[in-house]
Amino acid sequence: MPFLGEGRQAYYTDTPHLCPMMEDLVILGSGPAGCAAAIYAARAGYRPILLAGSLPGGLLTQTPKIENYPGFPQPVSGFDLMDAMLQQAERLGARLLFHTAREVTLDTPVKTLVLDDGSTLQSRAVILAIGARHRQPENRGKLQGKNVSFCATCDGHFYKGKTIALAGNGSAALNEALFLCGLVERLHLLVPAQELKGPQILRERLLQHPALALHLHTRVLETREDEAGHMTGLLLQDTSSGETTTLPAQGLFLALGFEPDTALLEKTGVALTPDGYIKRVSPPRTSTNLAGVFAAGDCTDPIYKQAVIAAATGAMAGMDAAEYLRSLPPSPPQP
């Protein structure tokens, strides 16, 4: 049975309770950074708790094909890659908890995390590997409805043989567009810039696909729907001339990139950049401005946004956290 599938058992029950023991390390996030941190901390002799949330493996599980992760001669899906990482982390001693933190206190020697089920964890160290979230468009209120999606691999199969549009540019948009081109009759790629950005190999594959219709310097203003709420088209604007046109479409996918998922930290004392990324006080070390709090992955990275780099910083955070824990008085034995 796949690790990310049904049938897995949470480390704690769903009944709200106060954690009866002090943990050494809790890792928030289960993407490449969180999994690598768990692997390295476990190899250092600790048994970290990995908060896997409702989407174990993070956003990478929605990527249909990965060709640039070292060690895989053939393309691997993000789902399979994260499945392997999670299994490896658990085999080495990490304990997975399929919940998220809704409130955290990190500026004290003992870190406290209140989870989404009301239960509480206390830990001597925390690694923040909380990743990124889909960037929302400024005109989000006019781009809504059941035919608007942020995830091609989640919802693309609903549009087999149909005409749809995808708004975005860069690597994320190219990957989504390639996936959708294999399903739909026609994909209109709406790019607000004057050129298509992203890896050259992806651009070449996409531009050669017969299902693609590329629209440069084009942004989507709003969706058009019939009385039943089904999408009938999109109102588009030429970013150069300002002229508007209507495009018939039965669905819209948004691939506008990602932003750090750090809203949880706004009042915790963890230092953030103006763009919301977690500051590391002395890179390449992963320490934050709070003792015993470390950060890794896309929540610290405004530039690269690559799984292999997130995993590398996660490994660094696992080692940094282990070094920090060794500097503390030993915790009481755990059952």
C-alpha atoms as a PDB file:
ATOM      1  CA  MET A   1       0.000   0.000   0.000  1.00  0.00           C
ATOM      2  CA  PRO A   2       1.438   3.410  -0.929  1.00  0.00           C
ATOM      3  CA  PHE A   3       2.642   5.411   2.038  1.00  0.00           C
ATOM      4  CA  LEU A   4       0.584   8.450   1.041  1.00  0.00           C
ATOM      5  CA  GLY A   5      -2.554   6.401   0.545  1.00  0.00           C
ATOM      6  CA  GLU A   6      -5.351   5.573   2.936  1.00  0.00           C
ATOM      7  CA  GLY A   7      -4.811   3.297   5.880  1.00  0.00           C
ATOM      8  CA  ARG A   8      -1.917   5.095   7.579  1.00  0.00           C
ATOM      9  CA  GLN A   9      -2.172   5.567  11.332  1.00  0.00           C
ATOM     10  CA  ALA A  10      -1.577   8.968  12.906  1.00  0.00           C
ATOM     11  CA  TYR A  11       0.990   9.052  15.728  1.00  0.00           C
ATOM     12  CA  TYR A  12      -1.514  10.668  18.089  1.00  0.00           C
ATOM     13  CA  THR A  13      -5.232  10.046  18.350  1.00  0.00           C
ATOM     14  CA  ASP A  14      -7.743  12.596  17.133  1.00  0.00           C
ATOM     15  CA  THR A  15      -8.934  13.292  20.669  1.00  0.00           C
ATOM     16  CA  PRO A  16      -7.711  16.700  21.900  1.00  0.00           C
ATOM     17  CA  HIS A  17      -5.268  16.221  24.743  1.00  0.00           C
ATOM     18  CA  LEU A  18      -2.100  17.603  26.280  1.00  0.00           C
ATOM     19  CA  CYS A  19       0.992  15.808  25.062  1.00  0.00           C
ATOM     20  CA  PRO A  20       2.285  13.776  28.056  1.00  0.00           C
ATOM     21  CA  MET A  21       5.975  14.040  27.109  1.00  0.00           C
ATOM     22  CA  MET A  22       8.529  16.581  26.047  1.00  0.00           C
ATOM     23  CA  GLU A  23       9.651  16.033  22.471  1.00  0.00           C
ATOM     24  CA  ASP A  24      13.168  16.751  21.308  1.00  0.00           C
ATOM     25  CA  LEU A  25      12.246  17.919  17.821  1.00  0.00           C
ATOM     26  CA  VAL A  26       9.098  18.736  15.863  1.00  0.00           C
ATOM     27  CA  ILE A  27       9.290  19.454  12.134  1.00  0.00           C
ATOM     28  CA  LEU A  28       6.544  21.500  10.514  1.00  0.00           C
ATOM     29  CA  GLY A  29       6.085  20.429   6.901  1.00  0.00           C
ATOM     30  CA  SER A  30       6.516  17.170   5.005  1.00  0.00           C
ATOM     31  CA  GLY A  31       7.884  18.274   1.640  1.00  0.00           C
ATOM     32  CA  PRO A  32      11.489  17.625   0.562  1.00  0.00           C
ATOM     33  CA  ALA A  33      12.888  19.938   3.259  1.00  0.00           C
ATOM     34  CA  GLY A  34      10.834  18.451   6.080  1.00  0.00           C
ATOM     35  CA  CYS A  35      11.512  14.860   5.040  1.00  0.00           C
ATOM     36  CA  ALA A  36      15.268  15.438   4.681  1.00  0.00           C
ATOM     37  CA  ALA A  37      15.350  17.164   8.067  1.00  0.00           C
ATOM     38  CA  ALA A  38      13.561  14.194   9.627  1.00  0.00           C
ATOM     39  CA  ILE A  39      15.947  11.730   7.989  1.00  0.00           C
ATOM     40  CA  TYR A  40      19.067  13.516   9.210  1.00  0.00           C
ATOM     41  CA  ALA A  41      17.718  14.166  12.706  1.00  0.00           C
ATOM     42  CA  ALA A  42      16.721  10.521  13.015  1.00  0.00           C
ATOM     43  CA  ARG A  43      20.163   9.413  11.853  1.00  0.00           C
ATOM     44  CA  ALA A  44      21.608  11.631  14.609  1.00  0.00           C
ATOM     45  CA  GLY A  45      19.756   9.607  17.222  1.00  0.00           C
ATOM     46  CA  TYR A  46      16.554  11.585  17.667  1.00  0.00           C
ATOM     47  CA  ARG A  47      12.983  10.548  16.880  1.00  0.00           C
ATOM     48  CA  PRO A  48      11.445  13.714  15.423  1.00  0.00           C
ATOM     49  CA  ILE A  49       7.761  14.254  14.942  1.00  0.00           C
ATOM     50  CA  LEU A  50       6.984  15.246  11.362  1.00  0.00           C
ATOM     51  CA  LEU A  51       3.772  17.242  11.002  1.00  0.00           C
ATOM     52  CA  ALA A  52       2.670  15.992   7.606  1.00  0.00           C
ATOM     53  CA  GLY A  53      -0.602  17.929   7.449  1.00  0.00           C
ATOM     54  CA  SER A  54      -3.522  17.113   5.189  1.00  0.00           C
ATOM     55  CA  LEU A  55      -1.258  16.939   2.102  1.00  0.00           C
ATOM     56  CA  PRO A  56       1.641  14.630   3.049  1.00  0.00           C
ATOM     57  CA  GLY A  57       4.569  15.373   0.806  1.00  0.00           C
ATOM     58  CA  GLY A  58       3.566  18.972   0.171  1.00  0.00           C
ATOM     59  CA  LEU A  59       2.897  20.667  -3.157  1.00  0.00           C
ATOM     60  CA  LEU A  60       5.516  18.565  -4.924  1.00  0.00           C
ATOM     61  CA  THR A  61       3.037  15.674  -4.919  1.00  0.00           C
ATOM     62  CA  GLN A  62       1.050  17.624  -7.531  1.00  0.00           C
ATOM     63  CA  THR A  63       3.933  17.657 -10.039  1.00  0.00           C
ATOM     64  CA  PRO A  64       3.319  14.887 -12.596  1.00  0.00           C
ATOM     65  CA  LYS A  65       6.877  14.509 -13.880  1.00  0.00           C
ATOM     66  CA  ILE A  66      10.261  15.417 -12.341  1.00  0.00           C
ATOM     67  CA  GLU A  67      13.360  14.981 -14.495  1.00  0.00           C
ATOM     68  CA  ASN A  68      16.008  16.918 -12.573  1.00  0.00           C
ATOM     69  CA  TYR A  69      16.070  15.249  -9.145  1.00  0.00           C
ATOM     70  CA  PRO A  70      19.430  13.454  -8.811  1.00  0.00           C
ATOM     71  CA  GLY A  71      19.362   9.678  -8.694  1.00  0.00           C
ATOM     72  CA  PHE A  72      16.419   9.078 -11.041  1.00  0.00           C
ATOM     73  CA  PRO A  73      17.547   8.240 -14.593  1.00  0.00           C
ATOM     74  CA  GLN A  74      13.906   8.139 -15.660  1.00  0.00           C
ATOM     75  CA  PRO A  75      11.318  10.800 -14.799  1.00  0.00           C
ATOM     76  CA  VAL A  76       9.601  10.328 -11.447  1.00  0.00           C
ATOM     77  CA  SER A  77       6.297  11.776 -10.319  1.00  0.00           C
ATOM     78  CA  GLY A  78       6.295  14.126  -7.360  1.00  0.00           C
ATOM     79  CA  PHE A  79       3.889  11.764  -5.618  1.00  0.00           C
ATOM     80  CA  ASP A  80       6.253   8.809  -5.924  1.00  0.00           C
ATOM     81  CA  LEU A  81       9.293  10.853  -4.913  1.00  0.00           C
ATOM     82  CA  MET A  82       7.641  12.134  -1.744  1.00  0.00           C
ATOM     83  CA  ASP A  83       6.178   8.708  -1.005  1.00  0.00           C
ATOM     84  CA  ALA A  84       9.733   7.319  -0.946  1.00  0.00           C
ATOM     85  CA  MET A  85      11.043  10.158   1.225  1.00  0.00           C
ATOM     86  CA  LEU A  86       8.263   9.757   3.782  1.00  0.00           C
ATOM     87  CA  GLN A  87       8.775   6.010   3.983  1.00  0.00           C
ATOM     88  CA  GLN A  88      12.502   6.515   4.448  1.00  0.00           C
ATOM     89  CA  ALA A  89      11.966   9.062   7.222  1.00  0.00           C
ATOM     90  CA  GLU A  90       9.628   6.732   9.099  1.00  0.00           C
ATOM     91  CA  ARG A  91      11.902   3.724   8.667  1.00  0.00           C
ATOM     92  CA  LEU A  92      14.730   5.674  10.306  1.00  0.00           C
ATOM     93  CA  GLY A  93      12.604   6.639  13.301  1.00  0.00           C
ATOM     94  CA  ALA A  94      10.573   9.726  12.429  1.00  0.00           C
ATOM     95  CA  ARG A  95       6.984   9.692  13.673  1.00  0.00           C
ATOM     96  CA  LEU A  96       4.401  11.132  11.290  1.00  0.00           C
ATOM     97  CA  LEU A  97       1.416  13.083  12.521  1.00  0.00           C
ATOM     98  CA  PHE A  98      -1.162  13.996   9.886  1.00  0.00           C
ATOM     99  CA  HIS A  99      -2.099  17.349  11.377  1.00  0.00           C
ATOM    100  CA  THR A 100      -1.003  20.960  11.008  1.00  0.00           C
ATOM    101  CA  ALA A 101      -0.125  23.567  13.617  1.00  0.00           C
ATOM    102  CA  ARG A 102      -2.681  26.337  14.038  1.00  0.00           C
ATOM    103  CA  GLU A 103      -0.824  28.233  16.770  1.00  0.00           C
ATOM    104  CA  VAL A 104       2.833  28.167  17.838  1.00  0.00           C
ATOM    105  CA  THR A 105       4.909  29.671  20.647  1.00  0.00           C
ATOM    106  CA  LEU A 106       8.555  29.636  19.639  1.00  0.00           C
ATOM    107  CA  ASP A 107      10.291  32.384  21.636  1.00  0.00           C
ATOM    108  CA  THR A 108      10.657  30.305  24.820  1.00  0.00           C
ATOM    109  CA  PRO A 109      13.030  27.430  25.695  1.00  0.00           C
ATOM    110  CA  VAL A 110      10.094  25.015  25.441  1.00  0.00           C
ATOM    111  CA  LYS A 111       8.261  25.401  22.132  1.00  0.00           C
ATOM    112  CA  THR A 112       4.492  24.856  22.195  1.00  0.00           C
ATOM    113  CA  LEU A 113       2.390  23.910  19.183  1.00  0.00           C
ATOM    114  CA  VAL A 114      -1.392  23.746  19.193  1.00  0.00           C
ATOM    115  CA  LEU A 115      -2.591  21.473  16.411  1.00  0.00           C
ATOM    116  CA  ASP A 116      -5.668  21.632  14.238  1.00  0.00           C
ATOM    117  CA  ASP A 117      -7.400  18.965  16.346  1.00  0.00           C
ATOM    118  CA  GLY A 118      -6.860  20.910  19.586  1.00  0.00           C
ATOM    119  CA  SER A 119      -4.023  18.730  20.866  1.00  0.00           C
ATOM    120  CA  THR A 120      -0.744  20.240  22.061  1.00  0.00           C
ATOM    121  CA  LEU A 121       2.878  19.368  21.441  1.00  0.00           C
ATOM    122  CA  GLN A 122       5.845  20.636  23.409  1.00  0.00           C
ATOM    123  CA  SER A 123       9.351  20.404  22.043  1.00  0.00           C
ATOM    124  CA  ARG A 124      12.873  21.587  22.773  1.00  0.00           C
ATOM    125  CA  ALA A 125      13.534  22.399  19.109  1.00  0.00           C
ATOM    126  CA  VAL A 126      11.494  23.090  15.988  1.00  0.00           C
ATOM    127  CA  ILE A 127      12.324  23.042  12.293  1.00  0.00           C
ATOM    128  CA  LEU A 128      10.138  25.206  10.062  1.00  0.00           C
ATOM    129  CA  ALA A 129       9.834  23.559   6.651  1.00  0.00           C
ATOM    130  CA  ILE A 130       6.397  24.949   5.880  1.00  0.00           C
ATOM    131  CA  GLY A 131       7.008  25.496   2.182  1.00  0.00           C
ATOM    132  CA  ALA A 132       4.976  27.730  -0.092  1.00  0.00           C
ATOM    133  CA  ARG A 133       1.416  28.216  -1.254  1.00  0.00           C
ATOM    134  CA  HIS A 134      -0.141  29.140  -4.585  1.00  0.00           C
ATOM    135  CA  ARG A 135       0.063  32.869  -5.262  1.00  0.00           C
ATOM    136  CA  GLN A 136      -3.383  34.416  -5.547  1.00  0.00           C
ATOM    137  CA  PRO A 137      -4.224  36.871  -8.348  1.00  0.00           C
ATOM    138  CA  GLU A 138      -5.017  40.450  -7.391  1.00  0.00           C
ATOM    139  CA  ASN A 139      -8.421  40.115  -9.060  1.00  0.00           C
ATOM    140  CA  ARG A 140      -9.212  36.836  -7.283  1.00  0.00           C
ATOM    141  CA  GLY A 141     -12.795  37.945  -6.639  1.00  0.00           C
ATOM    142  CA  LYS A 142     -13.475  37.993 -10.379  1.00  0.00           C
ATOM    143  CA  LEU A 143     -11.733  34.683 -11.020  1.00  0.00           C
ATOM    144  CA  GLN A 144     -13.771  32.204  -9.085  1.00  0.00           C
ATOM    145  CA  GLY A 145     -16.216  29.406  -9.522  1.00  0.00           C
ATOM    146  CA  LYS A 146     -16.149  25.642  -9.737  1.00  0.00           C
ATOM    147  CA  ASN A 147     -14.319  25.762 -13.096  1.00  0.00           C
ATOM    148  CA  VAL A 148     -11.273  27.622 -11.693  1.00  0.00           C
ATOM    149  CA  SER A 149      -8.414  25.518 -10.333  1.00  0.00           C
ATOM    150  CA  PHE A 150      -4.845  25.880  -9.051  1.00  0.00           C
ATOM    151  CA  CYS A 151      -3.900  22.239  -9.632  1.00  0.00           C
ATOM    152  CA  ALA A 152      -3.743  20.615 -13.066  1.00  0.00           C
ATOM    153  CA  THR A 153      -2.910  17.148 -11.753  1.00  0.00           C
ATOM    154  CA  CYS A 154      -5.819  17.367  -9.297  1.00  0.00           C
ATOM    155  CA  ASP A 155      -8.505  18.616 -11.672  1.00  0.00           C
ATOM    156  CA  GLY A 156      -7.203  18.245 -15.218  1.00  0.00           C
ATOM    157  CA  HIS A 157      -9.049  14.991 -15.863  1.00  0.00           C
ATOM    158  CA  PHE A 158     -12.383  16.842 -15.593  1.00  0.00           C
ATOM    159  CA  TYR A 159     -11.542  18.658 -18.840  1.00  0.00           C
ATOM    160  CA  LYS A 160     -10.621  15.820 -21.192  1.00  0.00           C
ATOM    161  CA  GLY A 161     -11.410  16.832 -24.753  1.00  0.00           C
ATOM    162  CA  LYS A 162     -12.455  20.363 -23.785  1.00  0.00           C
ATOM    163  CA  THR A 163     -11.136  23.862 -24.433  1.00  0.00           C
ATOM    164  CA  ILE A 164      -9.584  25.525 -21.408  1.00  0.00           C
ATOM    165  CA  ALA A 165      -7.107  28.253 -20.466  1.00  0.00           C
ATOM    166  CA  LEU A 166      -4.136  28.469 -18.155  1.00  0.00           C
ATOM    167  CA  ALA A 167      -2.829  31.805 -16.836  1.00  0.00           C
ATOM    168  CA  GLY A 168       0.789  32.038 -15.756  1.00  0.00           C
ATOM    169  CA  ASN A 169       4.426  31.978 -16.788  1.00  0.00           C
ATOM    170  CA  GLY A 170       7.636  30.269 -15.725  1.00  0.00           C
ATOM    171  CA  SER A 171       8.453  26.704 -14.681  1.00  0.00           C
ATOM    172  CA  ALA A 172       5.269  26.020 -12.732  1.00  0.00           C
ATOM    173  CA  ALA A 173       3.056  27.196 -15.576  1.00  0.00           C
ATOM    174  CA  LEU A 174       5.024  25.212 -18.183  1.00  0.00           C
ATOM    175  CA  ASN A 175       4.698  21.977 -16.221  1.00  0.00           C
ATOM    176  CA  GLU A 176       0.982  22.512 -15.705  1.00  0.00           C
ATOM    177  CA  ALA A 177       0.487  23.375 -19.371  1.00  0.00           C
ATOM    178  CA  LEU A 178       2.341  20.287 -20.609  1.00  0.00           C
ATOM    179  CA  PHE A 179       0.218  18.077 -18.386  1.00  0.00           C
ATOM    180  CA  LEU A 180      -3.015  19.688 -19.554  1.00  0.00           C
ATOM    181  CA  CYS A 181      -2.039  19.537 -23.242  1.00  0.00           C
ATOM    182  CA  GLY A 182      -2.073  15.765 -22.954  1.00  0.00           C
ATOM    183  CA  LEU A 183      -5.714  15.848 -21.858  1.00  0.00           C
ATOM    184  CA  VAL A 184      -7.587  18.663 -23.528  1.00  0.00           C
ATOM    185  CA  GLU A 185      -8.543  19.490 -27.098  1.00  0.00           C
ATOM    186  CA  ARG A 186      -7.208  23.042 -26.840  1.00  0.00           C
ATOM    187  CA  LEU A 187      -5.191  24.846 -24.181  1.00  0.00           C
ATOM    188  CA  HIS A 188      -4.914  28.624 -24.321  1.00  0.00           C
ATOM    189  CA  LEU A 189      -1.816  29.676 -22.390  1.00  0.00           C
ATOM    190  CA  LEU A 190      -2.251  33.274 -21.183  1.00  0.00           C
ATOM    191  CA  VAL A 191       1.100  34.933 -20.501  1.00  0.00           C
ATOM    192  CA  PRO A 192       1.084  38.557 -19.269  1.00  0.00           C
ATOM    193  CA  ALA A 193       4.736  39.097 -20.264  1.00  0.00           C
ATOM    194  CA  GLN A 194       6.193  39.548 -23.742  1.00  0.00           C
ATOM    195  CA  GLU A 195       7.989  36.198 -23.706  1.00  0.00           C
ATOM    196  CA  LEU A 196       7.506  32.703 -22.386  1.00  0.00           C
ATOM    197  CA  LYS A 197       9.804  32.054 -19.437  1.00  0.00           C
ATOM    198  CA  GLY A 198      11.082  28.838 -17.907  1.00  0.00           C
ATOM    199  CA  PRO A 199      13.506  26.008 -18.751  1.00  0.00           C
ATOM    200  CA  GLN A 200      14.275  25.869 -22.466  1.00  0.00           C
ATOM    201  CA  ILE A 201      13.531  22.154 -22.782  1.00  0.00           C
ATOM    202  CA  LEU A 202      10.040  22.679 -21.363  1.00  0.00           C
ATOM    203  CA  ARG A 203       9.394  25.657 -23.619  1.00  0.00           C
ATOM    204  CA  GLU A 204      10.409  23.670 -26.687  1.00  0.00           C
ATOM    205  CA  ARG A 205       8.178  20.740 -25.805  1.00  0.00           C
ATOM    206  CA  LEU A 206       5.230  22.992 -25.098  1.00  0.00           C
ATOM    207  CA  LEU A 207       5.539  25.125 -28.216  1.00  0.00           C
ATOM    208  CA  GLN A 208       5.619  21.976 -30.354  1.00  0.00           C
ATOM    209  CA  HIS A 209       2.415  20.567 -28.870  1.00  0.00           C
ATOM    210  CA  PRO A 210      -0.545  20.729 -31.274  1.00  0.00           C
ATOM    211  CA  ALA A 211      -3.039  21.443 -28.475  1.00  0.00           C
ATOM    212  CA  LEU A 212      -1.333  24.685 -27.427  1.00  0.00           C
ATOM    213  CA  ALA A 213      -2.442  28.198 -28.325  1.00  0.00           C
ATOM    214  CA  LEU A 214      -0.021  30.770 -26.879  1.00  0.00           C
ATOM    215  CA  HIS A 215      -1.234  34.291 -26.023  1.00  0.00           C
ATOM    216  CA  LEU A 216       1.592  36.649 -25.017  1.00  0.00           C
ATOM    217  CA  HIS A 217       1.078  39.962 -23.160  1.00  0.00           C
ATOM    218  CA  THR A 218      -2.373  38.722 -22.144  1.00  0.00           C
ATOM    219  CA  ARG A 219      -4.000  38.704 -18.720  1.00  0.00           C
ATOM    220  CA  VAL A 220      -7.359  37.351 -17.646  1.00  0.00           C
ATOM    221  CA  LEU A 221      -9.714  39.876 -16.062  1.00  0.00           C
ATOM    222  CA  GLU A 222     -12.741  37.809 -15.157  1.00  0.00           C
ATOM    223  CA  THR A 223     -14.656  34.619 -15.822  1.00  0.00           C
ATOM    224  CA  ARG A 224     -17.956  34.405 -17.666  1.00  0.00           C
ATOM    225  CA  GLU A 225     -20.567  31.826 -16.638  1.00  0.00           C
ATOM    226  CA  ASP A 226     -24.018  30.700 -17.685  1.00  0.00           C
ATOM    227  CA  GLU A 227     -27.070  30.595 -15.415  1.00  0.00           C
ATOM    228  CA  ALA A 228     -26.104  27.142 -14.167  1.00  0.00           C
ATOM    229  CA  GLY A 229     -22.692  28.400 -13.043  1.00  0.00           C
ATOM    230  CA  HIS A 230     -20.698  26.673 -15.787  1.00  0.00           C
ATOM    231  CA  MET A 231     -17.861  28.639 -17.345  1.00  0.00           C
ATOM    232  CA  THR A 232     -18.486  29.838 -20.873  1.00  0.00           C
ATOM    233  CA  GLY A 233     -15.510  32.107 -21.420  1.00  0.00           C
ATOM    234  CA  LEU A 234     -12.950  34.592 -20.146  1.00  0.00           C
ATOM    235  CA  LEU A 235     -12.554  38.332 -20.456  1.00  0.00           C
ATOM    236  CA  LEU A 236      -8.950  39.004 -21.486  1.00  0.00           C
ATOM    237  CA  GLN A 237      -6.874  42.161 -21.669  1.00  0.00           C
ATOM    238  CA  ASP A 238      -3.879  42.939 -23.869  1.00  0.00           C
ATOM    239  CA  THR A 239      -1.233  44.219 -21.426  1.00  0.00           C
ATOM    240  CA  SER A 240       0.316  46.392 -24.146  1.00  0.00           C
ATOM    241  CA  SER A 241      -2.719  48.086 -25.680  1.00  0.00           C
ATOM    242  CA  GLY A 242      -5.274  47.666 -22.919  1.00  0.00           C
ATOM    243  CA  GLU A 243      -7.813  46.252 -25.374  1.00  0.00           C
ATOM    244  CA  THR A 244     -10.180  43.560 -24.115  1.00  0.00           C
ATOM    245  CA  THR A 245     -11.449  40.442 -25.863  1.00  0.00           C
ATOM    246  CA  THR A 246     -13.551  37.436 -24.950  1.00  0.00           C
ATOM    247  CA  LEU A 247     -12.170  33.900 -25.181  1.00  0.00           C
ATOM    248  CA  PRO A 248     -14.521  30.879 -25.150  1.00  0.00           C
ATOM    249  CA  ALA A 249     -13.306  28.411 -22.495  1.00  0.00           C
ATOM    250  CA  GLN A 250     -14.782  25.753 -20.254  1.00  0.00           C
ATOM    251  CA  GLY A 251     -12.199  25.974 -17.493  1.00  0.00           C
ATOM    252  CA  LEU A 252      -9.383  28.118 -16.119  1.00  0.00           C
ATOM    253  CA  PHE A 253      -6.201  27.016 -14.370  1.00  0.00           C
ATOM    254  CA  LEU A 254      -4.044  29.503 -12.480  1.00  0.00           C
ATOM    255  CA  ALA A 255      -0.289  28.892 -12.283  1.00  0.00           C
ATOM    256  CA  LEU A 256       0.973  32.190 -10.924  1.00  0.00           C
ATOM    257  CA  GLY A 257       3.843  30.812  -8.898  1.00  0.00           C
ATOM    258  CA  PHE A 258       4.208  30.457  -5.172  1.00  0.00           C
ATOM    259  CA  GLU A 259       4.739  32.558  -2.060  1.00  0.00           C
ATOM    260  CA  PRO A 260       6.033  31.472   1.370  1.00  0.00           C
ATOM    261  CA  ASP A 261       3.393  29.887   3.572  1.00  0.00           C
ATOM    262  CA  THR A 262       4.478  31.803   6.670  1.00  0.00           C
ATOM    263  CA  ALA A 263       1.245  33.435   7.856  1.00  0.00           C
ATOM    264  CA  LEU A 264       1.394  31.209  10.963  1.00  0.00           C
ATOM    265  CA  LEU A 265       4.604  32.957  12.051  1.00  0.00           C
ATOM    266  CA  GLU A 266       3.559  36.594  11.832  1.00  0.00           C
ATOM    267  CA  LYS A 267       3.186  37.095  15.600  1.00  0.00           C
ATOM    268  CA  THR A 268       5.681  34.524  16.848  1.00  0.00           C
ATOM    269  CA  GLY A 269       8.833  36.627  16.847  1.00  0.00           C
ATOM    270  CA  VAL A 270      10.415  34.709  13.982  1.00  0.00           C
ATOM    271  CA  ALA A 271      12.136  37.281  11.744  1.00  0.00           C
ATOM    272  CA  LEU A 272      10.712  37.475   8.217  1.00  0.00           C
ATOM    273  CA  THR A 273      11.763  39.365   5.113  1.00  0.00           C
ATOM    274  CA  PRO A 274       9.422  41.998   3.627  1.00  0.00           C
ATOM    275  CA  ASP A 275       8.230  39.300   1.201  1.00  0.00           C
ATOM    276  CA  GLY A 276       7.381  36.917   4.031  1.00  0.00           C
ATOM    277  CA  TYR A 277      10.347  34.528   3.797  1.00  0.00           C
ATOM    278  CA  ILE A 278      11.993  33.281   6.992  1.00  0.00           C
ATOM    279  CA  LYS A 279      15.338  34.915   7.672  1.00  0.00           C
ATOM    280  CA  ARG A 280      18.287  32.686   8.492  1.00  0.00           C
ATOM    281  CA  VAL A 281      20.633  34.647  10.726  1.00  0.00           C
ATOM    282  CA  SER A 282      23.922  33.267   9.412  1.00  0.00           C
ATOM    283  CA  PRO A 283      23.564  31.332   6.141  1.00  0.00           C
ATOM    284  CA  PRO A 284      24.377  28.672   5.204  1.00  0.00           C
ATOM    285  CA  ARG A 285      23.427  27.635   8.769  1.00  0.00           C
ATOM    286  CA  THR A 286      19.671  27.248   9.186  1.00  0.00           C
ATOM    287  CA  SER A 287      19.222  28.978  12.538  1.00  0.00           C
ATOM    288  CA  THR A 288      16.569  31.680  12.814  1.00  0.00           C
ATOM    289  CA  ASN A 289      16.686  34.595  15.244  1.00  0.00           C
ATOM    290  CA  LEU A 290      15.011  32.405  17.906  1.00  0.00           C
ATOM    291  CA  ALA A 291      17.062  29.846  19.823  1.00  0.00           C
ATOM    292  CA  GLY A 292      16.125  26.283  18.959  1.00  0.00           C
ATOM    293  CA  VAL A 293      14.138  27.298  15.866  1.00  0.00           C
ATOM    294  CA  PHE A 294      15.503  26.374  12.431  1.00  0.00           C
ATOM    295  CA  ALA A 295      14.150  26.888   8.916  1.00  0.00           C
ATOM    296  CA  ALA A 296      14.603  25.136   5.574  1.00  0.00           C
ATOM    297  CA  GLY A 297      13.124  24.803   2.129  1.00  0.00           C
ATOM    298  CA  ASP A 298      10.970  27.107   0.044  1.00  0.00           C
ATOM    299  CA  CYS A 299       9.835  29.157   3.050  1.00  0.00           C
ATOM    300  CA  THR A 300      13.413  30.506   3.162  1.00  0.00           C
ATOM    301  CA  ASP A 301      14.165  30.569  -0.580  1.00  0.00           C
ATOM    302  CA  PRO A 302      12.926  33.422  -2.795  1.00  0.00           C
ATOM    303  CA  ILE A 303      15.114  32.391  -5.747  1.00  0.00           C
ATOM    304  CA  TYR A 304      15.549  28.724  -6.621  1.00  0.00           C
ATOM    305  CA  LYS A 305      12.360  26.868  -5.618  1.00  0.00           C
ATOM    306  CA  GLN A 306      13.818  23.455  -6.452  1.00  0.00           C
ATOM    307  CA  ALA A 307      13.128  20.181  -4.649  1.00  0.00           C
ATOM    308  CA  VAL A 308      16.799  19.197  -4.510  1.00  0.00           C
ATOM    309  CA  ILE A 309      17.737  22.530  -2.910  1.00  0.00           C
ATOM    310  CA  ALA A 310      14.884  22.281  -0.415  1.00  0.00           C
ATOM    311  CA  ALA A 311      16.025  18.772   0.515  1.00  0.00           C
ATOM    312  CA  ALA A 312      19.611  19.999   0.944  1.00  0.00           C
ATOM    313  CA  THR A 313      18.602  22.788   3.306  1.00  0.00           C
ATOM    314  CA  GLY A 314      16.388  20.304   5.145  1.00  0.00           C
ATOM    315  CA  ALA A 315      19.394  18.049   5.707  1.00  0.00           C
ATOM    316  CA  MET A 316      21.316  21.055   7.008  1.00  0.00           C
ATOM    317  CA  ALA A 317      18.474  21.937   9.378  1.00  0.00           C
ATOM    318  CA  GLY A 318      18.347  18.365  10.666  1.00  0.00           C
ATOM    319  CA  MET A 319      22.053  18.483  11.465  1.00  0.00           C
ATOM    320  CA  ASP A 320      21.842  21.978  12.975  1.00  0.00           C
ATOM    321  CA  ALA A 321      18.921  20.960  15.191  1.00  0.00           C
ATOM    322  CA  ALA A 322      20.771  17.837  16.328  1.00  0.00           C
ATOM    323  CA  GLU A 323      23.818  19.938  17.206  1.00  0.00           C
ATOM    324  CA  TYR A 324      21.616  22.321  19.183  1.00  0.00           C
ATOM    325  CA  LEU A 325      19.928  19.480  21.073  1.00  0.00           C
ATOM    326  CA  ARG A 326      23.287  17.992  22.014  1.00  0.00           C
ATOM    327  CA  SER A 327      24.197  21.300  23.628  1.00  0.00           C
ATOM    328  CA  LEU A 328      21.191  21.112  25.981  1.00  0.00           C
ATOM    329  CA  PRO A 329      20.864  19.092  29.179  1.00  0.00           C
ATOM    330  CA  PRO A 330      19.515  15.624  28.342  1.00  0.00           C
ATOM    331  CA  SER A 331      15.767  15.224  28.349  1.00  0.00           C
ATOM    332  CA  PRO A 332      14.081  12.612  30.583  1.00  0.00           C
ATOM    333  CA  PRO A 333      13.848   9.110  29.083  1.00  0.00           C
ATOM    334  CA  GLN A 334      10.748   8.558  26.971  1.00  0.00           C
ATOM    335  CA  PRO A 335       8.656   5.404  26.992  1.00  0.00           C
END
